[in-house]
Protein backbone atom coordinates (compact mmCIF):
# COMPACT_ATOMS: atom_id res chain seq x y z
CA MET A 1 -42.32 18.83 -18.12
CA GLY A 2 -44.42 16.15 -16.16
CA SER A 3 -43.34 12.65 -15.83
CA GLY A 4 -46.18 11.57 -18.09
CA ASN A 5 -44.74 13.52 -20.96
CA LEU A 6 -41.38 11.94 -20.35
CA LEU A 7 -42.78 8.43 -20.58
CA THR A 8 -44.62 9.14 -23.75
CA ALA A 9 -41.43 10.54 -25.35
CA ARG A 10 -39.41 7.33 -24.92
CA ARG A 11 -38.51 5.43 -28.18
CA SER A 12 -38.15 1.95 -26.49
CA GLU A 13 -38.95 0.20 -23.35
CA ARG A 14 -36.35 0.45 -20.53
CA ILE A 15 -35.30 -2.62 -18.53
CA HIS A 16 -33.99 -2.04 -15.03
CA VAL A 17 -30.52 -3.68 -14.49
CA ARG A 18 -27.67 -3.44 -12.20
CA MET A 19 -24.59 -4.65 -14.08
CA PRO A 20 -21.03 -3.57 -14.44
CA VAL A 21 -20.01 -2.33 -17.86
CA THR A 22 -16.82 -0.57 -19.19
CA LEU A 23 -17.26 3.12 -20.38
CA CYS A 24 -14.62 4.10 -22.91
CA GLY A 25 -14.19 7.68 -23.98
CA ASP A 26 -11.81 10.38 -24.95
CA SER A 27 -11.32 13.30 -22.48
CA LYS A 28 -8.91 16.15 -23.32
CA GLY A 29 -7.10 14.00 -25.82
CA GLN A 30 -6.59 10.94 -23.56
CA SER A 31 -8.45 7.71 -23.77
CA ASN A 32 -10.05 6.50 -20.62
CA GLU A 33 -11.69 3.31 -19.35
CA HIS A 34 -13.91 3.25 -16.41
CA THR A 35 -15.93 0.46 -14.84
CA VAL A 36 -19.52 1.82 -14.17
CA PHE A 37 -22.73 0.34 -13.41
CA ALA A 38 -25.66 0.37 -15.99
CA VAL A 39 -28.91 0.98 -14.18
CA ASP A 40 -31.34 0.58 -17.17
CA LEU A 41 -30.98 -0.48 -20.74
CA SER A 42 -33.05 -0.06 -23.82
CA ASN A 43 -32.66 -0.74 -27.45
CA ASN A 44 -31.50 2.88 -27.94
CA GLY A 45 -29.24 3.45 -24.98
CA VAL A 46 -28.26 2.95 -21.37
CA ARG A 47 -28.30 5.04 -18.16
CA VAL A 48 -25.11 4.56 -16.15
CA CYS A 49 -23.89 5.59 -12.64
CA ALA A 50 -20.58 7.33 -13.49
CA LYS A 51 -18.50 9.96 -12.04
CA ALA A 52 -16.19 9.93 -15.05
CA GLY A 53 -16.36 13.66 -15.89
CA LEU A 54 -18.61 13.09 -19.03
CA VAL A 55 -20.05 15.97 -21.18
CA PRO A 56 -23.11 16.04 -23.36
CA GLY A 57 -22.15 15.19 -27.03
CA GLN A 58 -19.07 13.26 -25.97
CA ALA A 59 -18.31 10.02 -27.96
CA VAL A 60 -18.06 7.02 -25.88
CA ALA A 61 -18.43 3.31 -26.09
CA ILE A 62 -20.13 0.84 -23.64
CA VAL A 63 -18.37 -2.55 -23.44
CA MET A 64 -20.62 -5.27 -22.00
CA ASN A 65 -19.37 -8.63 -21.02
CA SER A 66 -22.17 -11.05 -20.25
CA GLY A 67 -20.79 -14.11 -21.58
CA GLN A 68 -19.79 -12.52 -24.85
CA GLN A 69 -18.05 -8.98 -25.11
CA VAL A 70 -20.07 -6.58 -26.94
CA THR A 71 -18.91 -2.97 -27.74
CA LEU A 72 -21.67 -0.43 -28.44
CA PRO A 73 -20.49 3.01 -29.78
CA GLY A 74 -22.56 5.97 -28.53
CA ARG A 75 -22.66 9.50 -27.25
CA VAL A 76 -23.37 11.16 -23.97
CA VAL A 77 -26.97 12.82 -24.21
CA TRP A 78 -27.45 13.95 -20.62
CA ILE A 79 -25.75 14.32 -17.21
CA GLY A 80 -27.61 14.23 -14.02
CA PRO A 81 -27.64 17.75 -12.42
CA VAL A 82 -25.81 18.35 -9.17
CA GLY A 83 -27.89 18.11 -6.16
CA THR A 84 -30.74 15.95 -7.83
CA ARG A 85 -31.48 12.21 -7.58
CA LEU A 86 -29.86 11.94 -11.04
CA GLU A 87 -26.48 13.51 -9.85
CA GLY A 88 -23.71 10.94 -10.80
CA GLN A 89 -25.76 9.52 -13.63
CA ALA A 90 -25.57 9.89 -17.45
CA GLY A 91 -27.61 8.85 -20.32
CA ILE A 92 -25.74 7.25 -23.29
CA GLU A 93 -27.50 6.96 -26.61
CA PHE A 94 -26.28 4.08 -28.96
CA LEU A 95 -25.21 5.04 -32.39
CA LYS A 96 -27.19 2.03 -33.73
CA PRO A 97 -30.03 0.39 -31.80
CA ILE A 98 -29.43 -2.86 -30.30
CA THR A 99 -30.79 -5.84 -32.28
CA PRO A 100 -32.37 -8.11 -31.48
CA PRO A 101 -34.28 -5.94 -29.09
CA VAL A 102 -33.56 -6.05 -25.32
């Protein structure tokens, strides 16, 4: 799939950011919290740099604290393949889009 197809498949515009967020999720029956970095953000989700042992389909929450703490429930959609430029990154889809739009 070429990059042109990927861009046309996007549901909302992405904004490049570099901000710490808290990633909360359950792994093997244990709750975990990790500080990770959001690298882009849209109304529908966020891409994070995280080596937190995430798996696609896993329920997570992103906690943003930019003046006011906001918790956004979501699920892991993809994990960057080992050996690629996306290694160590993950795509999180929000269960409800952010409003107002980013």
